[in-house]
PDB file of N, CA and C in Angstrom:
ATOM      1  N   UNK A   1     150.518  86.882  52.261  1.00  0.00           N
ATOM      2  CA  UNK A   1     151.699  87.662  52.599  1.00  0.00           C
ATOM      3  C   UNK A   1     151.310  89.080  53.025  1.00  0.00           C
ATOM      4  N   UNK A   2     150.217  89.601  52.478  1.00  0.00           N
ATOM      5  CA  UNK A   2     149.780  90.945  52.857  1.00  0.00           C
ATOM      6  C   UNK A   2     149.446  91.007  54.344  1.00  0.00           C
ATOM      7  N   UNK A   3     148.830  89.945  54.879  1.00  0.00           N
ATOM      8  CA  UNK A   3     148.487  89.950  56.301  1.00  0.00           C
ATOM      9  C   UNK A   3     149.737  89.897  57.177  1.00  0.00           C
ATOM     10  N   UNK A   4     150.796  89.234  56.702  1.00  0.00           N
ATOM     11  CA  UNK A   4     152.060  89.193  57.443  1.00  0.00           C
ATOM     12  C   UNK A   4     152.663  90.590  57.494  1.00  0.00           C
ATOM     13  N   UNK A   5     152.661  91.290  56.384  1.00  0.00           N
ATOM     14  CA  UNK A   5     153.198  92.657  56.347  1.00  0.00           C
ATOM     15  C   UNK A   5     152.365  93.594  57.220  1.00  0.00           C
ATOM     16  N   UNK A   6     151.046  93.406  57.245  1.00  0.00           N
ATOM     17  CA  UNK A   6     150.190  94.208  58.116  1.00  0.00           C
ATOM     18  C   UNK A   6     150.503  93.925  59.579  1.00  0.00           C
ATOM     19  N   UNK A   7     150.748  92.642  59.886  1.00  0.00           N
ATOM     20  CA  UNK A   7     151.095  92.275  61.256  1.00  0.00           C
ATOM     21  C   UNK A   7     152.402  92.940  61.673  1.00  0.00           C
ATOM     22  N   UNK A   8     153.410  92.892  60.795  1.00  0.00           N
ATOM     23  CA  UNK A   8     154.689  93.539  61.117  1.00  0.00           C
ATOM     24  C   UNK A   8     154.510  95.044  61.269  1.00  0.00           C
ATOM     25  N   UNK A   9     153.665  95.638  60.451  1.00  0.00           N
ATOM     26  CA  UNK A   9     153.397  97.079  60.585  1.00  0.00           C
ATOM     27  C   UNK A   9     152.765  97.372  61.946  1.00  0.00           C
ATOM     28  N   UNK A  10     151.898  96.477  62.410  1.00  0.00           N
ATOM     29  CA  UNK A  10     151.276  96.648  63.731  1.00  0.00           C
ATOM     30  C   UNK A  10     152.334  96.538  64.833  1.00  0.00           C
ATOM     31  N   UNK A  11     153.230  95.564  64.711  1.00  0.00           N
ATOM     32  CA  UNK A  11     154.313  95.412  65.681  1.00  0.00           C
ATOM     33  C   UNK A  11     155.183  96.669  65.674  1.00  0.00           C
ATOM     34  N   UNK A  12     155.545  97.138  64.482  1.00  0.00           N
ATOM     35  CA  UNK A  12     156.423  98.300  64.360  1.00  0.00           C
ATOM     36  C   UNK A  12     155.780  99.580  64.879  1.00  0.00           C
ATOM     37  N   UNK A  13     154.438  99.596  64.972  1.00  0.00           N
ATOM     38  CA  UNK A  13     153.753 100.799  65.464  1.00  0.00           C
ATOM     39  C   UNK A  13     153.803 100.919  66.985  1.00  0.00           C
ATOM     40  N   UNK A  14     154.255  99.872  67.668  1.00  0.00           N
ATOM     41  CA  UNK A  14     154.379  99.916  69.124  1.00  0.00           C
ATOM     42  C   UNK A  14     155.512 100.865  69.486  1.00  0.00           C
ATOM     43  N   UNK A  15     155.238 101.756  70.396  1.00  0.00           N
ATOM     44  CA  UNK A  15     156.218 102.753  70.818  1.00  0.00           C
ATOM     45  C   UNK A  15     157.470 102.064  71.355  1.00  0.00           C
ATOM     46  N   UNK A  16     158.627 102.422  70.800  1.00  0.00           N
ATOM     47  CA  UNK A  16     159.895 101.861  71.230  1.00  0.00           C
ATOM     48  C   UNK A  16     160.402 100.737  70.347  1.00  0.00           C
ATOM     49  N   UNK A  17     159.598 100.289  69.379  1.00  0.00           N
ATOM     50  CA  UNK A  17     160.027  99.240  68.459  1.00  0.00           C
ATOM     51  C   UNK A  17     160.672  99.890  67.244  1.00  0.00           C
ATOM     52  N   UNK A  18     161.865  99.444  66.934  1.00  0.00           N
ATOM     53  CA  UNK A  18     162.610  99.983  65.794  1.00  0.00           C
ATOM     54  C   UNK A  18     162.366  99.194  64.517  1.00  0.00           C
ATOM     55  N   UNK A  19     162.026  97.926  64.634  1.00  0.00           N
ATOM     56  CA  UNK A  19     161.750  97.086  63.476  1.00  0.00           C
ATOM     57  C   UNK A  19     161.508  95.659  63.916  1.00  0.00           C
ATOM     58  N   UNK A  20     161.056  94.827  62.966  1.00  0.00           N
ATOM     59  CA  UNK A  20     160.723  93.453  63.314  1.00  0.00           C
ATOM     60  C   UNK A  20     160.897  92.530  62.118  1.00  0.00           C
ATOM     61  N   UNK A  21     160.896  91.233  62.400  1.00  0.00           N
ATOM     62  CA  UNK A  21     160.968  90.232  61.356  1.00  0.00           C
ATOM     63  C   UNK A  21     160.296  88.959  61.828  1.00  0.00           C
ATOM     64  N   UNK A  22     159.863  88.150  60.869  1.00  0.00           N
ATOM     65  CA  UNK A  22     159.292  86.841  61.155  1.00  0.00           C
ATOM     66  C   UNK A  22     160.098  85.825  60.370  1.00  0.00           C
ATOM     67  N   UNK A  23     160.530  84.778  61.079  1.00  0.00           N
ATOM     68  CA  UNK A  23     161.299  83.717  60.433  1.00  0.00           C
ATOM     69  C   UNK A  23     160.674  82.372  60.763  1.00  0.00           C
ATOM     70  N   UNK A  24     160.918  81.410  59.893  1.00  0.00           N
ATOM     71  CA  UNK A  24     160.519  80.036  60.157  1.00  0.00           C
ATOM     72  C   UNK A  24     161.491  79.448  61.178  1.00  0.00           C
ATOM     73  N   UNK A  25     161.140  78.323  61.740  1.00  0.00           N
ATOM     74  CA  UNK A  25     161.991  77.734  62.771  1.00  0.00           C
ATOM     75  C   UNK A  25     163.367  77.333  62.246  1.00  0.00           C
ATOM     76  N   UNK A  26     163.508  77.158  60.921  1.00  0.00           N
ATOM     77  CA  UNK A  26     164.815  76.815  60.355  1.00  0.00           C
ATOM     78  C   UNK A  26     165.645  78.055  60.009  1.00  0.00           C
ATOM     79  N   UNK A  27     165.129  79.243  60.308  1.00  0.00           N
ATOM     80  CA  UNK A  27     165.860  80.479  60.068  1.00  0.00           C
ATOM     81  C   UNK A  27     165.544  81.160  58.754  1.00  0.00           C
ATOM     82  N   UNK A  28     164.724  80.536  57.913  1.00  0.00           N
ATOM     83  CA  UNK A  28     164.353  81.178  56.648  1.00  0.00           C
ATOM     84  C   UNK A  28     163.443  82.369  56.898  1.00  0.00           C
ATOM     85  N   UNK A  29     163.800  83.461  56.291  1.00  0.00           N
ATOM     86  CA  UNK A  29     163.099  84.729  56.476  1.00  0.00           C
ATOM     87  C   UNK A  29     161.751  84.708  55.772  1.00  0.00           C
ATOM     88  N   UNK A  30     160.699  85.098  56.485  1.00  0.00           N
ATOM     89  CA  UNK A  30     159.362  85.186  55.911  1.00  0.00           C
ATOM     90  C   UNK A  30     159.041  86.627  55.521  1.00  0.00           C
ATOM     91  N   UNK A  31     159.307  87.567  56.428  1.00  0.00           N
ATOM     92  CA  UNK A  31     159.059  88.993  56.167  1.00  0.00           C
ATOM     93  C   UNK A  31     159.865  89.809  57.164  1.00  0.00           C
ATOM     94  N   UNK A  32     160.161  91.063  56.791  1.00  0.00           N
ATOM     95  CA  UNK A  32     160.940  91.908  57.700  1.00  0.00           C
ATOM     96  C   UNK A  32     160.707  93.384  57.404  1.00  0.00           C
ATOM     97  N   UNK A  33     161.069  94.194  58.381  1.00  0.00           N
ATOM     98  CA  UNK A  33     161.030  95.651  58.239  1.00  0.00           C
ATOM     99  C   UNK A  33     162.325  96.255  58.773  1.00  0.00           C
ATOM    100  N   UNK A  34     163.430  95.508  58.669  1.00  0.00           N
ATOM    101  CA  UNK A  34     164.700  95.939  59.242  1.00  0.00           C
ATOM    102  C   UNK A  34     165.826  95.824  58.224  1.00  0.00           C
ATOM    103  N   UNK A  35     166.931  96.476  58.542  1.00  0.00           N
ATOM    104  CA  UNK A  35     168.167  96.289  57.786  1.00  0.00           C
ATOM    105  C   UNK A  35     168.856  95.033  58.305  1.00  0.00           C
ATOM    106  N   UNK A  36     169.632  94.370  57.468  1.00  0.00           N
ATOM    107  CA  UNK A  36     170.389  93.160  57.823  1.00  0.00           C
ATOM    108  C   UNK A  36     169.519  92.059  58.426  1.00  0.00           C
ATOM    109  N   UNK A  37     168.419  91.724  57.793  1.00  0.00           N
ATOM    110  CA  UNK A  37     167.536  90.711  58.390  1.00  0.00           C
ATOM    111  C   UNK A  37     168.180  89.334  58.517  1.00  0.00           C
ATOM    112  N   UNK A  38     169.153  89.006  57.654  1.00  0.00           N
ATOM    113  CA  UNK A  38     169.770  87.676  57.734  1.00  0.00           C
ATOM    114  C   UNK A  38     170.611  87.516  58.996  1.00  0.00           C
ATOM    115  N   UNK A  39     171.201  88.610  59.498  1.00  0.00           N
ATOM    116  CA  UNK A  39     171.947  88.527  60.759  1.00  0.00           C
ATOM    117  C   UNK A  39     171.007  88.130  61.896  1.00  0.00           C
ATOM    118  N   UNK A  40     169.855  88.762  61.908  1.00  0.00           N
ATOM    119  CA  UNK A  40     168.896  88.490  62.975  1.00  0.00           C
ATOM    120  C   UNK A  40     168.221  87.135  62.798  1.00  0.00           C
ATOM    121  N   UNK A  41     167.937  86.733  61.559  1.00  0.00           N
ATOM    122  CA  UNK A  41     167.291  85.427  61.353  1.00  0.00           C
ATOM    123  C   UNK A  41     168.222  84.291  61.777  1.00  0.00           C
ATOM    124  N   UNK A  42     169.519  84.461  61.567  1.00  0.00           N
ATOM    125  CA  UNK A  42     170.484  83.456  62.036  1.00  0.00           C
ATOM    126  C   UNK A  42     170.496  83.387  63.560  1.00  0.00           C
ATOM    127  N   UNK A  43     170.473  84.531  64.210  1.00  0.00           N
ATOM    128  CA  UNK A  43     170.433  84.578  65.671  1.00  0.00           C
ATOM    129  C   UNK A  43     169.172  83.889  66.188  1.00  0.00           C
ATOM    130  N   UNK A  44     168.046  84.139  65.550  1.00  0.00           N
ATOM    131  CA  UNK A  44     166.787  83.509  65.961  1.00  0.00           C
ATOM    132  C   UNK A  44     166.875  81.992  65.818  1.00  0.00           C
ATOM    133  N   UNK A  45     167.358  81.527  64.675  1.00  0.00           N
ATOM    134  CA  UNK A  45     167.423  80.082  64.434  1.00  0.00           C
ATOM    135  C   UNK A  45     168.325  79.391  65.455  1.00  0.00           C
ATOM    136  N   UNK A  46     169.506  79.936  65.674  1.00  0.00           N
ATOM    137  CA  UNK A  46     170.446  79.318  66.613  1.00  0.00           C
ATOM    138  C   UNK A  46     169.949  79.372  68.055  1.00  0.00           C
ATOM    139  N   UNK A  47     169.509  80.541  68.494  1.00  0.00           N
ATOM    140  CA  UNK A  47     169.106  80.676  69.895  1.00  0.00           C
ATOM    141  C   UNK A  47     167.832  79.894  70.197  1.00  0.00           C
ATOM    142  N   UNK A  48     166.911  79.808  69.243  1.00  0.00           N
ATOM    143  CA  UNK A  48     165.693  79.043  69.504  1.00  0.00           C
ATOM    144  C   UNK A  48     165.999  77.555  69.598  1.00  0.00           C
ATOM    145  N   UNK A  49     166.932  77.067  68.788  1.00  0.00           N
ATOM    146  CA  UNK A  49     167.315  75.650  68.887  1.00  0.00           C
ATOM    147  C   UNK A  49     167.956  75.365  70.250  1.00  0.00           C
ATOM    148  N   UNK A  50     168.827  76.259  70.720  1.00  0.00           N
ATOM    149  CA  UNK A  50     169.434  76.079  72.033  1.00  0.00           C
ATOM    150  C   UNK A  50     168.378  76.171  73.132  1.00  0.00           C
ATOM    151  N   UNK A  51     167.433  77.092  72.991  1.00  0.00           N
ATOM    152  CA  UNK A  51     166.376  77.240  73.997  1.00  0.00           C
ATOM    153  C   UNK A  51     165.531  75.968  74.067  1.00  0.00           C
ATOM    154  N   UNK A  52     165.203  75.393  72.921  1.00  0.00           N
ATOM    155  CA  UNK A  52     164.418  74.157  72.909  1.00  0.00           C
ATOM    156  C   UNK A  52     165.184  73.009  73.566  1.00  0.00           C
ATOM    157  N   UNK A  53     166.485  72.943  73.335  1.00  0.00           N
ATOM    158  CA  UNK A  53     167.311  71.911  73.968  1.00  0.00           C
ATOM    159  C   UNK A  53     167.329  72.098  75.483  1.00  0.00           C
ATOM    160  N   UNK A  54     167.489  73.333  75.923  1.00  0.00           N
ATOM    161  CA  UNK A  54     167.490  73.623  77.364  1.00  0.00           C
ATOM    162  C   UNK A  54     166.133  73.271  77.971  1.00  0.00           C
ATOM    163  N   UNK A  55     165.058  73.628  77.283  1.00  0.00           N
ATOM    164  CA  UNK A  55     163.719  73.322  77.797  1.00  0.00           C
ATOM    165  C   UNK A  55     163.515  71.812  77.923  1.00  0.00           C
ATOM    166  N   UNK A  56     163.934  71.078  76.896  1.00  0.00           N
ATOM    167  CA  UNK A  56     163.781  69.621  76.938  1.00  0.00           C
ATOM    168  C   UNK A  56     164.563  68.998  78.088  1.00  0.00           C
ATOM    169  N   UNK A  57     165.789  69.439  78.287  1.00  0.00           N
ATOM    170  CA  UNK A  57     166.623  68.836  79.325  1.00  0.00           C
ATOM    171  C   UNK A  57     166.223  69.267  80.735  1.00  0.00           C
ATOM    172  N   UNK A  58     165.599  70.417  80.872  1.00  0.00           N
ATOM    173  CA  UNK A  58     165.228  70.895  82.205  1.00  0.00           C
ATOM    174  C   UNK A  58     163.751  70.685  82.533  1.00  0.00           C
ATOM    175  N   UNK A  59     162.963  70.243  81.561  1.00  0.00           N
ATOM    176  CA  UNK A  59     161.563  69.946  81.835  1.00  0.00           C
ATOM    177  C   UNK A  59     160.610  71.098  81.617  1.00  0.00           C
ATOM    178  N   UNK A  60     161.068  72.202  81.061  1.00  0.00           N
ATOM    179  CA  UNK A  60     160.167  73.308  80.773  1.00  0.00           C
ATOM    180  C   UNK A  60     159.449  73.047  79.455  1.00  0.00           C
ATOM    181  N   UNK A  61     158.270  73.619  79.292  1.00  0.00           N
ATOM    182  CA  UNK A  61     157.482  73.307  78.105  1.00  0.00           C
ATOM    183  C   UNK A  61     157.566  74.368  77.007  1.00  0.00           C
ATOM    184  N   UNK A  62     157.898  75.607  77.331  1.00  0.00           N
ATOM    185  CA  UNK A  62     157.969  76.652  76.316  1.00  0.00           C
ATOM    186  C   UNK A  62     158.693  77.865  76.870  1.00  0.00           C
ATOM    187  N   UNK A  63     159.035  78.787  75.976  1.00  0.00           N
ATOM    188  CA  UNK A  63     159.550  80.081  76.428  1.00  0.00           C
ATOM    189  C   UNK A  63     158.665  81.173  75.842  1.00  0.00           C
ATOM    190  N   UNK A  64     158.538  82.263  76.566  1.00  0.00           N
ATOM    191  CA  UNK A  64     157.697  83.372  76.110  1.00  0.00           C
ATOM    192  C   UNK A  64     158.506  84.403  75.331  1.00  0.00           C
ATOM    193  N   UNK A  65     159.727  84.625  75.768  1.00  0.00           N
ATOM    194  CA  UNK A  65     160.595  85.575  75.084  1.00  0.00           C
ATOM    195  C   UNK A  65     162.048  85.309  75.451  1.00  0.00           C
ATOM    196  N   UNK A  66     162.928  85.644  74.521  1.00  0.00           N
ATOM    197  CA  UNK A  66     164.365  85.670  74.777  1.00  0.00           C
ATOM    198  C   UNK A  66     164.825  87.072  74.422  1.00  0.00           C
ATOM    199  N   UNK A  67     165.734  87.604  75.200  1.00  0.00           N
ATOM    200  CA  UNK A  67     166.199  88.965  74.954  1.00  0.00           C
ATOM    201  C   UNK A  67     167.723  89.012  74.901  1.00  0.00           C
ATOM    202  N   UNK A  68     168.213  89.805  73.970  1.00  0.00           N
ATOM    203  CA  UNK A  68     169.641  90.041  73.811  1.00  0.00           C
ATOM    204  C   UNK A  68     169.861  91.548  73.818  1.00  0.00           C
ATOM    205  N   UNK A  69     170.942  91.978  74.453  1.00  0.00           N
ATOM    206  CA  UNK A  69     171.236  93.412  74.461  1.00  0.00           C
ATOM    207  C   UNK A  69     172.528  93.679  73.702  1.00  0.00           C
ATOM    208  N   UNK A  70     172.589  94.857  73.130  1.00  0.00           N
ATOM    209  CA  UNK A  70     173.735  95.289  72.339  1.00  0.00           C
ATOM    210  C   UNK A  70     174.445  96.380  73.131  1.00  0.00           C
ATOM    211  N   UNK A  71     175.713  96.565  72.908  1.00  0.00           N
ATOM    212  CA  UNK A  71     176.488  97.558  73.649  1.00  0.00           C
ATOM    213  C   UNK A  71     175.982  98.982  73.494  1.00  0.00           C
ATOM    214  N   UNK A  72     175.247  99.273  72.424  1.00  0.00           N
ATOM    215  CA  UNK A  72     174.749 100.634  72.211  1.00  0.00           C
ATOM    216  C   UNK A  72     173.413 100.888  72.908  1.00  0.00           C
ATOM    217  N   UNK A  73     172.938  99.928  73.705  1.00  0.00           N
ATOM    218  CA  UNK A  73     171.676 100.091  74.421  1.00  0.00           C
ATOM    219  C   UNK A  73     170.494  99.498  73.685  1.00  0.00           C
ATOM    220  N   UNK A  74     170.690  99.132  72.446  1.00  0.00           N
ATOM    221  CA  UNK A  74     169.630  98.509  71.664  1.00  0.00           C
ATOM    222  C   UNK A  74     169.442  97.069  72.148  1.00  0.00           C
ATOM    223  N   UNK A  75     168.219  96.574  72.083  1.00  0.00           N
ATOM    224  CA  UNK A  75     167.945  95.193  72.488  1.00  0.00           C
ATOM    225  C   UNK A  75     167.180  94.486  71.375  1.00  0.00           C
ATOM    226  N   UNK A  76     167.266  93.166  71.386  1.00  0.00           N
ATOM    227  CA  UNK A  76     166.580  92.327  70.415  1.00  0.00           C
ATOM    228  C   UNK A  76     165.813  91.258  71.176  1.00  0.00           C
ATOM    229  N   UNK A  77     164.530  91.147  70.904  1.00  0.00           N
ATOM    230  CA  UNK A  77     163.671  90.192  71.601  1.00  0.00           C
ATOM    231  C   UNK A  77     163.119  89.181  70.608  1.00  0.00           C
ATOM    232  N   UNK A  78     163.038  87.919  71.038  1.00  0.00           N
ATOM    233  CA  UNK A  78     162.510  86.844  70.207  1.00  0.00           C
ATOM    234  C   UNK A  78     161.288  86.258  70.908  1.00  0.00           C
ATOM    235  N   UNK A  79     160.211  86.116  70.132  1.00  0.00           N
ATOM    236  CA  UNK A  79     158.955  85.569  70.637  1.00  0.00           C
ATOM    237  C   UNK A  79     158.522  84.402  69.749  1.00  0.00           C
ATOM    238  N   UNK A  80     158.106  83.275  70.336  1.00  0.00           N
ATOM    239  CA  UNK A  80     157.530  82.215  69.515  1.00  0.00           C
ATOM    240  C   UNK A  80     156.178  82.668  68.977  1.00  0.00           C
ATOM    241  N   UNK A  81     155.905  82.319  67.722  1.00  0.00           N
ATOM    242  CA  UNK A  81     154.662  82.735  67.063  1.00  0.00           C
ATOM    243  C   UNK A  81     154.183  81.581  66.190  1.00  0.00           C
ATOM    244  N   UNK A  82     153.287  80.754  66.744  1.00  0.00           N
ATOM    245  CA  UNK A  82     152.822  79.542  66.064  1.00  0.00           C
ATOM    246  C   UNK A  82     154.039  78.716  65.663  1.00  0.00           C
ATOM    247  N   UNK A  83     154.242  78.404  64.383  1.00  0.00           N
ATOM    248  CA  UNK A  83     155.430  77.638  63.970  1.00  0.00           C
ATOM    249  C   UNK A  83     156.554  78.558  63.513  1.00  0.00           C
ATOM    250  N   UNK A  84     156.466  79.836  63.840  1.00  0.00           N
ATOM    251  CA  UNK A  84     157.450  80.840  63.445  1.00  0.00           C
ATOM    252  C   UNK A  84     158.031  81.503  64.690  1.00  0.00           C
ATOM    253  N   UNK A  85     158.935  82.453  64.441  1.00  0.00           N
ATOM    254  CA  UNK A  85     159.465  83.291  65.508  1.00  0.00           C
ATOM    255  C   UNK A  85     159.382  84.735  65.072  1.00  0.00           C
ATOM    256  N   UNK A  86     159.020  85.594  66.008  1.00  0.00           N
ATOM    257  CA  UNK A  86     158.978  87.034  65.779  1.00  0.00           C
ATOM    258  C   UNK A  86     160.189  87.642  66.457  1.00  0.00           C
ATOM    259  N   UNK A  87     160.976  88.389  65.708  1.00  0.00           N
ATOM    260  CA  UNK A  87     162.106  89.116  66.266  1.00  0.00           C
ATOM    261  C   UNK A  87     161.779  90.603  66.276  1.00  0.00           C
ATOM    262  N   UNK A  88     162.080  91.268  67.375  1.00  0.00           N
ATOM    263  CA  UNK A  88     161.751  92.685  67.531  1.00  0.00           C
ATOM    264  C   UNK A  88     162.992  93.435  68.011  1.00  0.00           C
ATOM    265  N   UNK A  89     163.338  94.486  67.282  1.00  0.00           N
ATOM    266  CA  UNK A  89     164.443  95.351  67.700  1.00  0.00           C
ATOM    267  C   UNK A  89     163.862  96.489  68.529  1.00  0.00           C
ATOM    268  N   UNK A  90     164.420  96.650  69.708  1.00  0.00           N
ATOM    269  CA  UNK A  90     163.984  97.695  70.638  1.00  0.00           C
ATOM    270  C   UNK A  90     164.890  98.905  70.497  1.00  0.00           C
ATOM    271  N   UNK A  91     164.306 100.081  70.469  1.00  0.00           N
ATOM    272  CA  UNK A  91     165.090 101.314  70.444  1.00  0.00           C
ATOM    273  C   UNK A  91     165.851 101.450  71.757  1.00  0.00           C
ATOM    274  N   UNK A  92     167.046 102.061  71.711  1.00  0.00           N
ATOM    275  CA  UNK A  92     167.886 102.134  72.912  1.00  0.00           C
ATOM    276  C   UNK A  92     167.235 102.785  74.126  1.00  0.00           C
ATOM    277  N   UNK A  93     166.390 103.772  73.936  1.00  0.00           N
ATOM    278  CA  UNK A  93     165.822 104.495  75.077  1.00  0.00           C
ATOM    279  C   UNK A  93     164.479 103.938  75.543  1.00  0.00           C
ATOM    280  N   UNK A  94     164.009 102.870  74.940  1.00  0.00           N
ATOM    281  CA  UNK A  94     162.701 102.309  75.283  1.00  0.00           C
ATOM    282  C   UNK A  94     162.832 101.267  76.396  1.00  0.00           C
ATOM    283  N   UNK A  95     161.852 101.208  77.300  1.00  0.00           N
ATOM    284  CA  UNK A  95     161.893 100.200  78.366  1.00  0.00           C
ATOM    285  C   UNK A  95     161.503  98.817  77.835  1.00  0.00           C
ATOM    286  N   UNK A  96     162.351  97.837  78.065  1.00  0.00           N
ATOM    287  CA  UNK A  96     162.128  96.480  77.566  1.00  0.00           C
ATOM    288  C   UNK A  96     160.834  95.878  78.109  1.00  0.00           C
ATOM    289  N   UNK A  97     160.553  96.097  79.377  1.00  0.00           N
ATOM    290  CA  UNK A  97     159.365  95.499  79.986  1.00  0.00           C
ATOM    291  C   UNK A  97     158.090  95.941  79.279  1.00  0.00           C
ATOM    292  N   UNK A  98     158.029  97.206  78.896  1.00  0.00           N
ATOM    293  CA  UNK A  98     156.838  97.734  78.223  1.00  0.00           C
ATOM    294  C   UNK A  98     156.682  97.112  76.844  1.00  0.00           C
ATOM    295  N   UNK A  99     157.768  97.024  76.101  1.00  0.00           N
ATOM    296  CA  UNK A  99     157.703  96.435  74.759  1.00  0.00           C
ATOM    297  C   UNK A  99     157.321  94.967  74.846  1.00  0.00           C
ATOM    298  N   UNK A 100     157.942  94.227  75.743  1.00  0.00           N
ATOM    299  CA  UNK A 100     157.620  92.813  75.902  1.00  0.00           C
ATOM    300  C   UNK A 100     156.156  92.642  76.271  1.00  0.00           C
ATOM    301  N   UNK A 101     155.655  93.482  77.156  1.00  0.00           N
ATOM    302  CA  UNK A 101     154.241  93.420  77.542  1.00  0.00           C
ATOM    303  C   UNK A 101     153.330  93.649  76.335  1.00  0.00           C
ATOM    304  N   UNK A 102     153.607  94.684  75.554  1.00  0.00           N
ATOM    305  CA  UNK A 102     152.759  95.001  74.393  1.00  0.00           C
ATOM    306  C   UNK A 102     152.819  93.895  73.330  1.00  0.00           C
ATOM    307  N   UNK A 103     154.007  93.366  73.075  1.00  0.00           N
ATOM    308  CA  UNK A 103     154.142  92.308  72.075  1.00  0.00           C
ATOM    309  C   UNK A 103     153.433  91.041  72.559  1.00  0.00           C
ATOM    310  N   UNK A 104     153.620  90.682  73.817  1.00  0.00           N
ATOM    311  CA  UNK A 104     152.959  89.500  74.368  1.00  0.00           C
ATOM    312  C   UNK A 104     151.444  89.635  74.284  1.00  0.00           C
ATOM    313  N   UNK A 105     150.942  90.816  74.587  1.00  0.00           N
ATOM    314  CA  UNK A 105     149.495  91.065  74.489  1.00  0.00           C
ATOM    315  C   UNK A 105     149.027  90.914  73.037  1.00  0.00           C
ATOM    316  N   UNK A 106     149.769  91.487  72.108  1.00  0.00           N
ATOM    317  CA  UNK A 106     149.421  91.369  70.695  1.00  0.00           C
ATOM    318  C   UNK A 106     149.433  89.906  70.251  1.00  0.00           C
ATOM    319  N   UNK A 107     150.446  89.158  70.649  1.00  0.00           N
ATOM    320  CA  UNK A 107     150.549  87.749  70.262  1.00  0.00           C
ATOM    321  C   UNK A 107     149.445  86.894  70.872  1.00  0.00           C
ATOM    322  N   UNK A 108     148.899  87.319  71.995  1.00  0.00           N
ATOM    323  CA  UNK A 108     147.815  86.546  72.621  1.00  0.00           C
ATOM    324  C   UNK A 108     146.558  86.563  71.759  1.00  0.00           C
ATOM    325  N   UNK A 109     146.471  87.490  70.817  1.00  0.00           N
ATOM    326  CA  UNK A 109     145.310  87.573  69.923  1.00  0.00           C
ATOM    327  C   UNK A 109     145.523  86.873  68.587  1.00  0.00           C
ATOM    328  N   UNK A 110     146.729  86.332  68.357  1.00  0.00           N
ATOM    329  CA  UNK A 110     147.017  85.646  67.101  1.00  0.00           C
ATOM    330  C   UNK A 110     146.441  84.233  67.183  1.00  0.00           C
ATOM    331  N   UNK A 111     145.685  83.878  66.177  1.00  0.00           N
ATOM    332  CA  UNK A 111     145.064  82.554  66.109  1.00  0.00           C
ATOM    333  C   UNK A 111     145.693  81.752  64.973  1.00  0.00           C
ATOM    334  N   UNK A 112     145.792  80.467  65.169  1.00  0.00           N
ATOM    335  CA  UNK A 112     146.270  79.589  64.106  1.00  0.00           C
ATOM    336  C   UNK A 112     145.234  79.570  62.984  1.00  0.00           C
ATOM    337  N   UNK A 113     145.684  79.554  61.743  1.00  0.00           N
ATOM    338  CA  UNK A 113     144.717  79.506  60.639  1.00  0.00           C
ATOM    339  C   UNK A 113     143.882  78.230  60.704  1.00  0.00           C
ATOM    340  N   UNK A 114     142.607  78.350  60.405  1.00  0.00           N
ATOM    341  CA  UNK A 114     141.739  77.172  60.450  1.00  0.00           C
ATOM    342  C   UNK A 114     142.039  76.256  59.266  1.00  0.00           C
ATOM    343  N   UNK A 115     141.967  74.995  59.518  1.00  0.00           N
ATOM    344  CA  UNK A 115     142.312  73.989  58.504  1.00  0.00           C
ATOM    345  C   UNK A 115     141.136  73.728  57.601  1.00  0.00           C
TER     346      UNK A 115
END
C-alpha cells in the first residue's frame, strides 16, 4: 500500500493536478488524495463499463483516457492502469493536453508485478 500512496503522490506532483485516486474495476476504492472519493469512484466504475461495452461493439481494443469537464472549468480524467483505473482531477486553469501527456508518460513506466 505504501507504493500505491507514493504513486499517487507522484501523480499529484504533476503541475495542474489537483488530486487523484485508484479504484478497482468494480469501483472499490484502493487509495485516494481527494475529497469525496466515492463520487469519483462511482463515475469511474460506470463510465469504464460503458467504455468497454462501446469498445466491444465497435471493435476497438482499449481506451487511453476518458475526460469529463465540470461547469467550473475543472476536469476529471480516467486512465486504465493494469487491472485498476486511475482518476485524476485537473485544476481549472491547467491545460488538459499537458496533464494527459504527463500521466500517459508516467503510466508507460508502470510494470505489472512479477508473479
